[in-house]
Amino acid sequence: LERALLPTPAVRDGGLEVLVGYRAGREGLLGGDFYDVVER
């Protein structure tokens, strides 16, 4: 689930700053929050 919900951004442009972060809730388990960044 972590690999699916919290992927590595697929960006080739080294000049673009890309920072990502995630914190699980109180139970320490992944929830329904997700993110992604992709360069076409």
Full PDB file with SEQRES, HELIX, SHEET, SSBOND, CRYST1, ORIGX, SCALE, CONECT and MASTER records, all heavy atoms in Angstrom:
SEQRES   1 A   40  LEU GLU ARG ALA LEU LEU PRO THR PRO ALA VAL ARG ASP          
SEQRES   2 A   40  GLY GLY LEU GLU VAL LEU VAL GLY TYR ARG ALA GLY ARG          
SEQRES   3 A   40  GLU GLY LEU LEU GLY GLY ASP PHE TYR ASP VAL VAL GLU          
SEQRES   4 A   40  ARG                                                          
HELIX    1 AA1 GLU A    2  LEU A    5  1                                   4    
CRYST1    1.000    1.000    1.000  90.00  90.00  90.00 P 1           1          
ORIGX1      1.000000  0.000000  0.000000        0.00000                         
ORIGX2      0.000000  1.000000  0.000000        0.00000                         
ORIGX3      0.000000  0.000000  1.000000        0.00000                         
SCALE1      1.000000  0.000000  0.000000        0.00000                         
SCALE2      0.000000  1.000000  0.000000        0.00000                         
SCALE3      0.000000  0.000000  1.000000        0.00000                         
ATOM      1  N   LEU A   1       0.827  -1.206   0.000  1.00  0.00           N  
ATOM      2  CA  LEU A   1       0.000   0.000   0.000  1.00  0.00           C  
ATOM      3  C   LEU A   1       0.863   1.258   0.000  1.00  0.00           C  
ATOM      4  O   LEU A   1       0.538   2.245  -0.653  1.00  0.00           O  
ATOM      5  CB  LEU A   1      -0.926   0.000   1.212  1.00  0.00           C  
ATOM      6  CG  LEU A   1      -2.200  -0.835   1.086  1.00  0.00           C  
ATOM      7  CD1 LEU A   1      -2.931  -0.863   2.410  1.00  0.00           C  
ATOM      8  CD2 LEU A   1      -3.101  -0.295  -0.011  1.00  0.00           C  
ATOM      9  N   GLU A   2       1.964   1.223   0.743  1.00  0.00           N  
ATOM     10  CA  GLU A   2       2.856   2.385   0.768  1.00  0.00           C  
ATOM     11  C   GLU A   2       3.399   2.678  -0.620  1.00  0.00           C  
ATOM     12  O   GLU A   2       3.485   3.828  -1.039  1.00  0.00           O  
ATOM     13  CB  GLU A   2       4.002   2.144   1.752  1.00  0.00           C  
ATOM     14  CG  GLU A   2       3.605   2.283   3.212  1.00  0.00           C  
ATOM     15  CD  GLU A   2       4.760   2.004   4.133  1.00  0.00           C  
ATOM     16  OE1 GLU A   2       5.767   1.420   3.679  1.00  0.00           O  
ATOM     17  OE2 GLU A   2       4.656   2.358   5.315  1.00  0.00           O  
ATOM     18  N   ARG A   3       3.793   1.615  -1.325  1.00  0.00           N  
ATOM     19  CA  ARG A   3       4.322   1.832  -2.678  1.00  0.00           C  
ATOM     20  C   ARG A   3       3.250   2.408  -3.590  1.00  0.00           C  
ATOM     21  O   ARG A   3       3.547   3.211  -4.483  1.00  0.00           O  
ATOM     22  CB  ARG A   3       4.844   0.507  -3.247  1.00  0.00           C  
ATOM     23  CG  ARG A   3       6.155   0.053  -2.661  1.00  0.00           C  
ATOM     24  CD  ARG A   3       6.820  -0.983  -3.552  1.00  0.00           C  
ATOM     25  NE  ARG A   3       6.016  -2.193  -3.665  1.00  0.00           N  
ATOM     26  CZ  ARG A   3       6.166  -3.273  -2.898  1.00  0.00           C  
ATOM     27  NH1 ARG A   3       7.093  -3.263  -1.945  1.00  0.00           N  
ATOM     28  NH2 ARG A   3       5.413  -4.336  -3.069  1.00  0.00           N  
ATOM     29  N   ALA A   4       1.994   1.995  -3.390  1.00  0.00           N  
ATOM     30  CA  ALA A   4       0.910   2.469  -4.246  1.00  0.00           C  
ATOM     31  C   ALA A   4       0.441   3.866  -3.859  1.00  0.00           C  
ATOM     32  O   ALA A   4       0.111   4.682  -4.722  1.00  0.00           O  
ATOM     33  CB  ALA A   4      -0.265   1.494  -4.198  1.00  0.00           C  
ATOM     34  N   LEU A   5       0.387   4.145  -2.552  1.00  0.00           N  
ATOM     35  CA  LEU A   5      -0.103   5.438  -2.079  1.00  0.00           C  
ATOM     36  C   LEU A   5       0.989   6.505  -2.089  1.00  0.00           C  
ATOM     37  O   LEU A   5       0.703   7.680  -2.309  1.00  0.00           O  
ATOM     38  CB  LEU A   5      -0.639   5.305  -0.650  1.00  0.00           C  
ATOM     39  CG  LEU A   5      -2.012   4.653  -0.464  1.00  0.00           C  
ATOM     40  CD1 LEU A   5      -2.230   4.328   0.992  1.00  0.00           C  
ATOM     41  CD2 LEU A   5      -3.112   5.581  -0.958  1.00  0.00           C  
ATOM     42  N   LEU A   6       2.217   6.104  -1.825  1.00  0.00           N  
ATOM     43  CA  LEU A   6       3.301   7.057  -1.609  1.00  0.00           C  
ATOM     44  C   LEU A   6       4.436   6.770  -2.594  1.00  0.00           C  
ATOM     45  O   LEU A   6       5.505   6.287  -2.228  1.00  0.00           O  
ATOM     46  CB  LEU A   6       3.808   6.940  -0.162  1.00  0.00           C  
ATOM     47  CG  LEU A   6       2.719   6.817   0.918  1.00  0.00           C  
ATOM     48  CD1 LEU A   6       3.355   6.632   2.285  1.00  0.00           C  
ATOM     49  CD2 LEU A   6       1.821   8.046   0.903  1.00  0.00           C  
ATOM     50  N   PRO A   7       4.224   7.068  -3.860  1.00  0.00           N  
ATOM     51  CA  PRO A   7       5.204   6.706  -4.887  1.00  0.00           C  
ATOM     52  C   PRO A   7       6.381   7.675  -4.917  1.00  0.00           C  
ATOM     53  O   PRO A   7       6.353   8.753  -4.322  1.00  0.00           O  
ATOM     54  CB  PRO A   7       4.389   6.805  -6.171  1.00  0.00           C  
ATOM     55  CG  PRO A   7       3.446   7.934  -5.884  1.00  0.00           C  
ATOM     56  CD  PRO A   7       3.069   7.776  -4.435  1.00  0.00           C  
ATOM     57  N   THR A   8       7.393   7.282  -5.649  1.00  0.00           N  
ATOM     58  CA  THR A   8       8.505   8.185  -5.938  1.00  0.00           C  
ATOM     59  C   THR A   8       8.092   9.105  -7.090  1.00  0.00           C  
ATOM     60  O   THR A   8       7.649   8.617  -8.138  1.00  0.00           O  
ATOM     61  CB  THR A   8       9.752   7.398  -6.333  1.00  0.00           C  
ATOM     62  OG1 THR A   8      10.116   6.524  -5.266  1.00  0.00           O  
ATOM     63  CG2 THR A   8      10.912   8.334  -6.671  1.00  0.00           C  
ATOM     64  N   PRO A   9       8.189  10.413  -6.919  1.00  0.00           N  
ATOM     65  CA  PRO A   9       7.812  11.322  -8.010  1.00  0.00           C  
ATOM     66  C   PRO A   9       8.570  11.008  -9.293  1.00  0.00           C  
ATOM     67  O   PRO A   9       9.773  10.742  -9.269  1.00  0.00           O  
ATOM     68  CB  PRO A   9       8.195  12.710  -7.461  1.00  0.00           C  
ATOM     69  CG  PRO A   9       8.092  12.555  -5.974  1.00  0.00           C  
ATOM     70  CD  PRO A   9       8.566  11.146  -5.695  1.00  0.00           C  
ATOM     71  N   ALA A  10       7.848  11.024 -10.425  1.00  0.00           N  
ATOM     72  CA  ALA A  10       8.445  10.714 -11.726  1.00  0.00           C  
ATOM     73  C   ALA A  10       8.723  12.021 -12.462  1.00  0.00           C  
ATOM     74  O   ALA A  10       8.003  12.413 -13.388  1.00  0.00           O  
ATOM     75  CB  ALA A  10       7.506   9.817 -12.529  1.00  0.00           C  
ATOM     76  N   VAL A  11       9.768  12.716 -12.028  1.00  0.00           N  
ATOM     77  CA  VAL A  11      10.113  14.037 -12.576  1.00  0.00           C  
ATOM     78  C   VAL A  11      11.565  14.017 -13.034  1.00  0.00           C  
ATOM     79  O   VAL A  11      12.471  13.664 -12.266  1.00  0.00           O  
ATOM     80  CB  VAL A  11       9.903  15.141 -11.515  1.00  0.00           C  
ATOM     81  CG1 VAL A  11      10.348  16.492 -12.065  1.00  0.00           C  
ATOM     82  CG2 VAL A  11       8.444  15.186 -11.084  1.00  0.00           C  
ATOM     83  N   ARG A  12      11.788  14.408 -14.284  1.00  0.00           N  
ATOM     84  CA  ARG A  12      13.142  14.431 -14.846  1.00  0.00           C  
ATOM     85  C   ARG A  12      13.819  15.787 -14.672  1.00  0.00           C  
ATOM     86  O   ARG A  12      15.044  15.868 -14.675  1.00  0.00           O  
ATOM     87  CB  ARG A  12      13.092  14.077 -16.336  1.00  0.00           C  
ATOM     88  CG  ARG A  12      12.513  12.708 -16.644  1.00  0.00           C  
ATOM     89  CD  ARG A  12      12.550  12.431 -18.158  1.00  0.00           C  
ATOM     90  NE  ARG A  12      11.846  13.467 -18.907  1.00  0.00           N  
ATOM     91  CZ  ARG A  12      10.541  13.474 -19.132  1.00  0.00           C  
ATOM     92  NH1 ARG A  12       9.784  12.490 -18.659  1.00  0.00           N  
ATOM     93  NH2 ARG A  12       9.968  14.436 -19.840  1.00  0.00           N  
ATOM     94  N   ASP A  13      13.042  16.854 -14.567  1.00  0.00           N  
ATOM     95  CA  ASP A  13      13.594  18.214 -14.516  1.00  0.00           C  
ATOM     96  C   ASP A  13      14.297  18.439 -13.176  1.00  0.00           C  
ATOM     97  O   ASP A  13      13.656  18.600 -12.131  1.00  0.00           O  
ATOM     98  CB  ASP A  13      12.455  19.224 -14.692  1.00  0.00           C  
ATOM     99  CG  ASP A  13      12.960  20.653 -14.794  1.00  0.00           C  
ATOM    100  OD1 ASP A  13      14.152  20.890 -14.519  1.00  0.00           O  
ATOM    101  OD2 ASP A  13      12.151  21.536 -15.143  1.00  0.00           O  
ATOM    102  N   GLY A  14      15.626  18.454 -13.213  1.00  0.00           N  
ATOM    103  CA  GLY A  14      16.389  18.640 -11.981  1.00  0.00           C  
ATOM    104  C   GLY A  14      16.270  20.039 -11.397  1.00  0.00           C  
ATOM    105  O   GLY A  14      16.595  20.248 -10.223  1.00  0.00           O  
ATOM    106  N   GLY A  15      15.788  20.986 -12.173  1.00  0.00           N  
ATOM    107  CA  GLY A  15      15.629  22.338 -11.662  1.00  0.00           C  
ATOM    108  C   GLY A  15      14.353  22.554 -10.886  1.00  0.00           C  
ATOM    109  O   GLY A  15      14.192  23.586 -10.220  1.00  0.00           O  
ATOM    110  N   LEU A  16      13.424  21.616 -10.970  1.00  0.00           N  
ATOM    111  CA  LEU A  16      12.159  21.742 -10.258  1.00  0.00           C  
ATOM    112  C   LEU A  16      12.289  21.107  -8.879  1.00  0.00           C  
ATOM    113  O   LEU A  16      12.668  19.941  -8.754  1.00  0.00           O  
ATOM    114  CB  LEU A  16      11.043  21.043 -11.050  1.00  0.00           C  
ATOM    115  CG  LEU A  16       9.637  21.192 -10.489  1.00  0.00           C  
ATOM    116  CD1 LEU A  16       9.147  22.627 -10.662  1.00  0.00           C  
ATOM    117  CD2 LEU A  16       8.679  20.220 -11.156  1.00  0.00           C  
ATOM    118  N   GLU A  17      11.987  21.880  -7.867  1.00  0.00           N  
ATOM    119  CA  GLU A  17      12.019  21.356  -6.502  1.00  0.00           C  
ATOM    120  C   GLU A  17      10.758  20.516  -6.265  1.00  0.00           C  
ATOM    121  O   GLU A  17       9.635  20.974  -6.479  1.00  0.00           O  
ATOM    122  CB  GLU A  17      12.068  22.509  -5.494  1.00  0.00           C  
ATOM    123  CG  GLU A  17      12.127  22.035  -4.046  1.00  0.00           C  
ATOM    124  CD  GLU A  17      12.114  23.196  -3.060  1.00  0.00           C  
ATOM    125  OE1 GLU A  17      11.698  24.309  -3.465  1.00  0.00           O  
ATOM    126  OE2 GLU A  17      12.495  22.990  -1.902  1.00  0.00           O  
ATOM    127  N   VAL A  18      10.960  19.276  -5.822  1.00  0.00           N  
ATOM    128  CA  VAL A  18       9.844  18.371  -5.528  1.00  0.00           C  
ATOM    129  C   VAL A  18      10.096  17.733  -4.164  1.00  0.00           C  
ATOM    130  O   VAL A  18      11.054  16.978  -3.998  1.00  0.00           O  
ATOM    131  CB  VAL A  18       9.686  17.277  -6.593  1.00  0.00           C  
ATOM    132  CG1 VAL A  18       8.488  16.379  -6.257  1.00  0.00           C  
ATOM    133  CG2 VAL A  18       9.515  17.872  -7.983  1.00  0.00           C  
ATOM    134  N   LEU A  19       9.257  18.065  -3.197  1.00  0.00           N  
ATOM    135  CA  LEU A  19       9.358  17.483  -1.859  1.00  0.00           C  
ATOM    136  C   LEU A  19       8.021  16.850  -1.499  1.00  0.00           C  
ATOM    137  O   LEU A  19       6.959  17.427  -1.772  1.00  0.00           O  
ATOM    138  CB  LEU A  19       9.700  18.556  -0.815  1.00  0.00           C  
ATOM    139  CG  LEU A  19      11.010  19.326  -1.016  1.00  0.00           C  
ATOM    140  CD1 LEU A  19      11.138  20.417   0.032  1.00  0.00           C  
ATOM    141  CD2 LEU A  19      12.200  18.374  -0.950  1.00  0.00           C  
ATOM    142  N   VAL A  20       8.053  15.679  -0.901  1.00  0.00           N  
ATOM    143  CA  VAL A  20       6.827  14.988  -0.515  1.00  0.00           C  
ATOM    144  C   VAL A  20       6.954  14.515   0.930  1.00  0.00           C  
ATOM    145  O   VAL A  20       8.063  14.330   1.450  1.00  0.00           O  
ATOM    146  CB  VAL A  20       6.536  13.785  -1.435  1.00  0.00           C  
ATOM    147  CG1 VAL A  20       6.294  14.243  -2.859  1.00  0.00           C  
ATOM    148  CG2 VAL A  20       7.661  12.767  -1.380  1.00  0.00           C  
ATOM    149  N   GLY A  21       5.804  14.329   1.571  1.00  0.00           N  
ATOM    150  CA  GLY A  21       5.812  13.838   2.946  1.00  0.00           C  
ATOM    151  C   GLY A  21       4.482  13.214   3.303  1.00  0.00           C  
ATOM    152  O   GLY A  21       3.438  13.555   2.725  1.00  0.00           O  
ATOM    153  N   TYR A  22       4.518  12.299   4.262  1.00  0.00           N  
ATOM    154  CA  TYR A  22       3.293  11.610   4.699  1.00  0.00           C  
ATOM    155  C   TYR A  22       3.445  11.227   6.167  1.00  0.00           C  
ATOM    156  O   TYR A  22       4.523  10.813   6.598  1.00  0.00           O  
ATOM    157  CB  TYR A  22       3.071  10.356   3.853  1.00  0.00           C  
ATOM    158  CG  TYR A  22       1.833   9.572   4.235  1.00  0.00           C  
ATOM    159  CD1 TYR A  22       0.610   9.829   3.626  1.00  0.00           C  
ATOM    160  CD2 TYR A  22       1.881   8.584   5.219  1.00  0.00           C  
ATOM    161  CE1 TYR A  22      -0.532   9.122   3.978  1.00  0.00           C  
ATOM    162  CE2 TYR A  22       0.745   7.877   5.575  1.00  0.00           C  
ATOM    163  CZ  TYR A  22      -0.453   8.152   4.958  1.00  0.00           C  
ATOM    164  OH  TYR A  22      -1.579   7.453   5.321  1.00  0.00           O  
ATOM    165  N   ARG A  23       2.367  11.394   6.922  1.00  0.00           N  
ATOM    166  CA  ARG A  23       2.325  10.928   8.310  1.00  0.00           C  
ATOM    167  C   ARG A  23       1.048  10.134   8.503  1.00  0.00           C  
ATOM    168  O   ARG A  23      -0.053  10.631   8.233  1.00  0.00           O  
ATOM    169  CB  ARG A  23       2.355  12.101   9.299  1.00  0.00           C  
ATOM    170  CG  ARG A  23       3.667  12.844   9.368  1.00  0.00           C  
ATOM    171  CD  ARG A  23       4.778  11.994   9.982  1.00  0.00           C  
ATOM    172  NE  ARG A  23       6.012  12.772  10.116  1.00  0.00           N  
ATOM    173  CZ  ARG A  23       6.900  12.940   9.152  1.00  0.00           C  
ATOM    174  NH1 ARG A  23       6.691  12.383   7.960  1.00  0.00           N  
ATOM    175  NH2 ARG A  23       7.988  13.651   9.337  1.00  0.00           N  
ATOM    176  N   ALA A  24       1.199   8.894   8.966  1.00  0.00           N  
ATOM    177  CA  ALA A  24       0.016   8.081   9.248  1.00  0.00           C  
ATOM    178  C   ALA A  24      -0.686   8.623  10.483  1.00  0.00           C  
ATOM    179  O   ALA A  24      -0.095   9.330  11.312  1.00  0.00           O  
ATOM    180  CB  ALA A  24       0.420   6.623   9.460  1.00  0.00           C  
ATOM    181  N   GLY A  25      -1.973   8.299  10.612  1.00  0.00           N  
ATOM    182  CA  GLY A  25      -2.753   8.751  11.757  1.00  0.00           C  
ATOM    183  C   GLY A  25      -2.394   8.013  13.022  1.00  0.00           C  
ATOM    184  O   GLY A  25      -1.396   7.281  13.104  1.00  0.00           O  
ATOM    185  N   ARG A  26      -3.245   8.151  14.045  1.00  0.00           N  
ATOM    186  CA  ARG A  26      -2.948   7.681  15.390  1.00  0.00           C  
ATOM    187  C   ARG A  26      -2.691   6.184  15.448  1.00  0.00           C  
ATOM    188  O   ARG A  26      -1.879   5.710  16.239  1.00  0.00           O  
ATOM    189  CB  ARG A  26      -4.109   8.045  16.318  1.00  0.00           C  
ATOM    190  CG  ARG A  26      -3.921   7.633  17.756  1.00  0.00           C  
ATOM    191  CD  ARG A  26      -4.989   8.262  18.619  1.00  0.00           C  
ATOM    192  NE  ARG A  26      -4.848   9.712  18.642  1.00  0.00           N  
ATOM    193  CZ  ARG A  26      -5.811  10.540  19.043  1.00  0.00           C  
ATOM    194  NH1 ARG A  26      -6.979  10.055  19.419  1.00  0.00           N  
ATOM    195  NH2 ARG A  26      -5.610  11.843  19.051  1.00  0.00           N  
ATOM    196  N   GLU A  27      -3.376   5.392  14.638  1.00  0.00           N  
ATOM    197  CA  GLU A  27      -3.204   3.949  14.702  1.00  0.00           C  
ATOM    198  C   GLU A  27      -1.933   3.483  13.992  1.00  0.00           C  
ATOM    199  O   GLU A  27      -1.599   2.307  14.039  1.00  0.00           O  
ATOM    200  CB  GLU A  27      -4.418   3.248  14.075  1.00  0.00           C  
ATOM    201  CG  GLU A  27      -5.732   3.560  14.769  1.00  0.00           C  
ATOM    202  CD  GLU A  27      -5.725   3.154  16.233  1.00  0.00           C  
ATOM    203  OE1 GLU A  27      -5.116   2.120  16.547  1.00  0.00           O  
ATOM    204  OE2 GLU A  27      -6.320   3.874  17.054  1.00  0.00           O  
ATOM    205  N   GLY A  28      -1.230   4.409  13.322  1.00  0.00           N  
ATOM    206  CA  GLY A  28       0.001   4.034  12.648  1.00  0.00           C  
ATOM    207  C   GLY A  28      -0.203   3.293  11.340  1.00  0.00           C  
ATOM    208  O   GLY A  28       0.744   2.767  10.757  1.00  0.00           O  
ATOM    209  N   LEU A  29      -1.443   3.220  10.872  1.00  0.00           N  
ATOM    210  CA  LEU A  29      -1.749   2.520   9.638  1.00  0.00           C  
ATOM    211  C   LEU A  29      -2.067   3.508   8.528  1.00  0.00           C  
ATOM    212  O   LEU A  29      -2.538   4.608   8.781  1.00  0.00           O  
ATOM    213  CB  LEU A  29      -2.947   1.580   9.840  1.00  0.00           C  
ATOM    214  CG  LEU A  29      -2.788   0.522  10.922  1.00  0.00           C  
ATOM    215  CD1 LEU A  29      -4.086  -0.236  11.094  1.00  0.00           C  
ATOM    216  CD2 LEU A  29      -1.657  -0.438  10.583  1.00  0.00           C  
ATOM    217  N   LEU A  30      -1.798   3.088   7.309  1.00  0.00           N  
ATOM    218  CA  LEU A  30      -2.083   3.948   6.181  1.00  0.00           C  
ATOM    219  C   LEU A  30      -3.581   4.155   6.015  1.00  0.00           C  
ATOM    220  O   LEU A  30      -4.372   3.260   6.239  1.00  0.00           O  
ATOM    221  CB  LEU A  30      -1.510   3.326   4.901  1.00  0.00           C  
ATOM    222  CG  LEU A  30       0.021   3.270   4.803  1.00  0.00           C  
ATOM    223  CD1 LEU A  30       0.416   2.464   3.585  1.00  0.00           C  
ATOM    224  CD2 LEU A  30       0.615   4.645   4.734  1.00  0.00           C  
ATOM    225  N   GLY A  31      -3.949   5.367   5.644  1.00  0.00           N  
ATOM    226  CA  GLY A  31      -5.345   5.673   5.385  1.00  0.00           C  
ATOM    227  C   GLY A  31      -5.568   5.928   3.915  1.00  0.00           C  
ATOM    228  O   GLY A  31      -4.860   5.400   3.060  1.00  0.00           O  
ATOM    229  N   GLY A  32      -6.546   6.778   3.615  1.00  0.00           N  
ATOM    230  CA  GLY A  32      -6.907   7.021   2.230  1.00  0.00           C  
ATOM    231  C   GLY A  32      -6.249   8.233   1.608  1.00  0.00           C  
ATOM    232  O   GLY A  32      -6.621   8.632   0.495  1.00  0.00           O  
ATOM    233  N   ASP A  33      -5.290   8.871   2.275  1.00  0.00           N  
ATOM    234  CA  ASP A  33      -4.578  10.007   1.691  1.00  0.00           C  
ATOM    235  C   ASP A  33      -3.547   9.512   0.680  1.00  0.00           C  
ATOM    236  O   ASP A  33      -2.880   8.493   0.906  1.00  0.00           O  
ATOM    237  CB  ASP A  33      -3.872  10.816   2.775  1.00  0.00           C  
ATOM    238  CG  ASP A  33      -4.845  11.547   3.679  1.00  0.00           C  
ATOM    239  OD1 ASP A  33      -6.035  11.177   3.688  1.00  0.00           O  
ATOM    240  OD2 ASP A  33      -4.422  12.477   4.388  1.00  0.00           O  
ATOM    241  N   PHE A  34      -3.392  10.246  -0.429  1.00  0.00           N  
ATOM    242  CA  PHE A  34      -2.438   9.821  -1.443  1.00  0.00           C  
ATOM    243  C   PHE A  34      -1.899  11.042  -2.183  1.00  0.00           C  
ATOM    244  O   PHE A  34      -2.480  12.127  -2.129  1.00  0.00           O  
ATOM    245  CB  PHE A  34      -3.072   8.838  -2.431  1.00  0.00           C  
ATOM    246  CG  PHE A  34      -4.311   9.345  -3.115  1.00  0.00           C  
ATOM    247  CD1 PHE A  34      -4.249   9.962  -4.363  1.00  0.00           C  
ATOM    248  CD2 PHE A  34      -5.559   9.199  -2.519  1.00  0.00           C  
ATOM    249  CE1 PHE A  34      -5.394  10.419  -5.002  1.00  0.00           C  
ATOM    250  CE2 PHE A  34      -6.712   9.652  -3.159  1.00  0.00           C  
ATOM    251  CZ  PHE A  34      -6.636  10.262  -4.391  1.00  0.00           C  
ATOM    252  N   TYR A  35      -0.764  10.845  -2.860  1.00  0.00           N  
ATOM    253  CA  TYR A  35      -0.172  11.927  -3.654  1.00  0.00           C  
ATOM    254  C   TYR A  35       0.610  11.321  -4.811  1.00  0.00           C  
ATOM    255  O   TYR A  35       0.926  10.128  -4.828  1.00  0.00           O  
ATOM    256  CB  TYR A  35       0.747  12.803  -2.798  1.00  0.00           C  
ATOM    257  CG  TYR A  35       1.962  12.096  -2.248  1.00  0.00           C  
ATOM    258  CD1 TYR A  35       3.066  11.799  -3.051  1.00  0.00           C  
ATOM    259  CD2 TYR A  35       2.032  11.733  -0.911  1.00  0.00           C  
ATOM    260  CE1 TYR A  35       4.174  11.166  -2.557  1.00  0.00           C  
ATOM    261  CE2 TYR A  35       3.144  11.095  -0.394  1.00  0.00           C  
ATOM    262  CZ  TYR A  35       4.215  10.811  -1.224  1.00  0.00           C  
ATOM    263  OH  TYR A  35       5.311  10.158  -0.731  1.00  0.00           O  
ATOM    264  N   ASP A  36       0.959  12.186  -5.773  1.00  0.00           N  
ATOM    265  CA  ASP A  36       1.817  11.762  -6.877  1.00  0.00           C  
ATOM    266  C   ASP A  36       2.286  13.004  -7.634  1.00  0.00           C  
ATOM    267  O   ASP A  36       1.634  14.061  -7.584  1.00  0.00           O  
ATOM    268  CB  ASP A  36       1.080  10.822  -7.829  1.00  0.00           C  
ATOM    269  CG  ASP A  36       2.029   9.921  -8.617  1.00  0.00           C  
ATOM    270  OD1 ASP A  36       3.256  10.121  -8.522  1.00  0.00           O  
ATOM    271  OD2 ASP A  36       1.543   9.008  -9.317  1.00  0.00           O  
ATOM    272  N   VAL A  37       3.411  12.876  -8.299  1.00  0.00           N  
ATOM    273  CA  VAL A  37       3.949  13.940  -9.150  1.00  0.00           C  
ATOM    274  C   VAL A  37       4.545  13.276 -10.385  1.00  0.00           C  
ATOM    275  O   VAL A  37       5.367  12.370 -10.267  1.00  0.00           O  
ATOM    276  CB  VAL A  37       5.042  14.771  -8.437  1.00  0.00           C  
ATOM    277  CG1 VAL A  37       5.466  15.943  -9.329  1.00  0.00           C  
ATOM    278  CG2 VAL A  37       4.572  15.264  -7.086  1.00  0.00           C  
ATOM    279  N   VAL A  38       4.119  13.724 -11.575  1.00  0.00           N  
ATOM    280  CA  VAL A  38       4.572  13.106 -12.830  1.00  0.00           C  
ATOM    281  C   VAL A  38       4.881  14.209 -13.838  1.00  0.00           C  
ATOM    282  O   VAL A  38       4.112  15.168 -13.983  1.00  0.00           O  
ATOM    283  CB  VAL A  38       3.496  12.167 -13.400  1.00  0.00           C  
ATOM    284  CG1 VAL A  38       3.916  11.634 -14.768  1.00  0.00           C  
ATOM    285  CG2 VAL A  38       3.228  11.006 -12.446  1.00  0.00           C  
ATOM    286  N   GLU A  39       5.996  14.053 -14.557  1.00  0.00           N  
ATOM    287  CA  GLU A  39       6.348  14.959 -15.649  1.00  0.00           C  
ATOM    288  C   GLU A  39       6.044  14.288 -16.981  1.00  0.00           C  
ATOM    289  O   GLU A  39       6.461  13.145 -17.222  1.00  0.00           O  
ATOM    290  CB  GLU A  39       7.831  15.330 -15.594  1.00  0.00           C  
ATOM    291  CG  GLU A  39       8.245  16.313 -16.690  1.00  0.00           C  
ATOM    292  CD  GLU A  39       9.707  16.724 -16.581  1.00  0.00           C  
ATOM    293  OE1 GLU A  39      10.390  16.255 -15.641  1.00  0.00           O  
ATOM    294  OE2 GLU A  39      10.159  17.505 -17.443  1.00  0.00           O  
ATOM    295  N   ARG A  40       5.318  14.990 -17.846  1.00  0.00           N  
ATOM    296  CA  ARG A  40       5.010  14.474 -19.168  1.00  0.00           C  
ATOM    297  C   ARG A  40       6.158  14.732 -20.144  1.00  0.00           C  
ATOM    298  O   ARG A  40       7.080  15.513 -19.863  1.00  0.00           O  
ATOM    299  CB  ARG A  40       3.730  15.105 -19.699  1.00  0.00           C  
ATOM    300  CG  ARG A  40       2.470  14.498 -19.083  1.00  0.00           C  
ATOM    301  CD  ARG A  40       1.211  15.097 -19.657  1.00  0.00           C  
ATOM    302  NE  ARG A  40       0.064  14.219 -19.449  1.00  0.00           N  
ATOM    303  CZ  ARG A  40      -1.181  14.531 -19.730  1.00  0.00           C  
ATOM    304  NH1 ARG A  40      -1.452  15.730 -20.272  1.00  0.00           N  
ATOM    305  NH2 ARG A  40      -2.161  13.687 -19.523  1.00  0.00           N  
TER     306      ARG A  40                                                      
MASTER        0    0    0    1    0    0    0    6  305    1    0    4          
END                                                                             
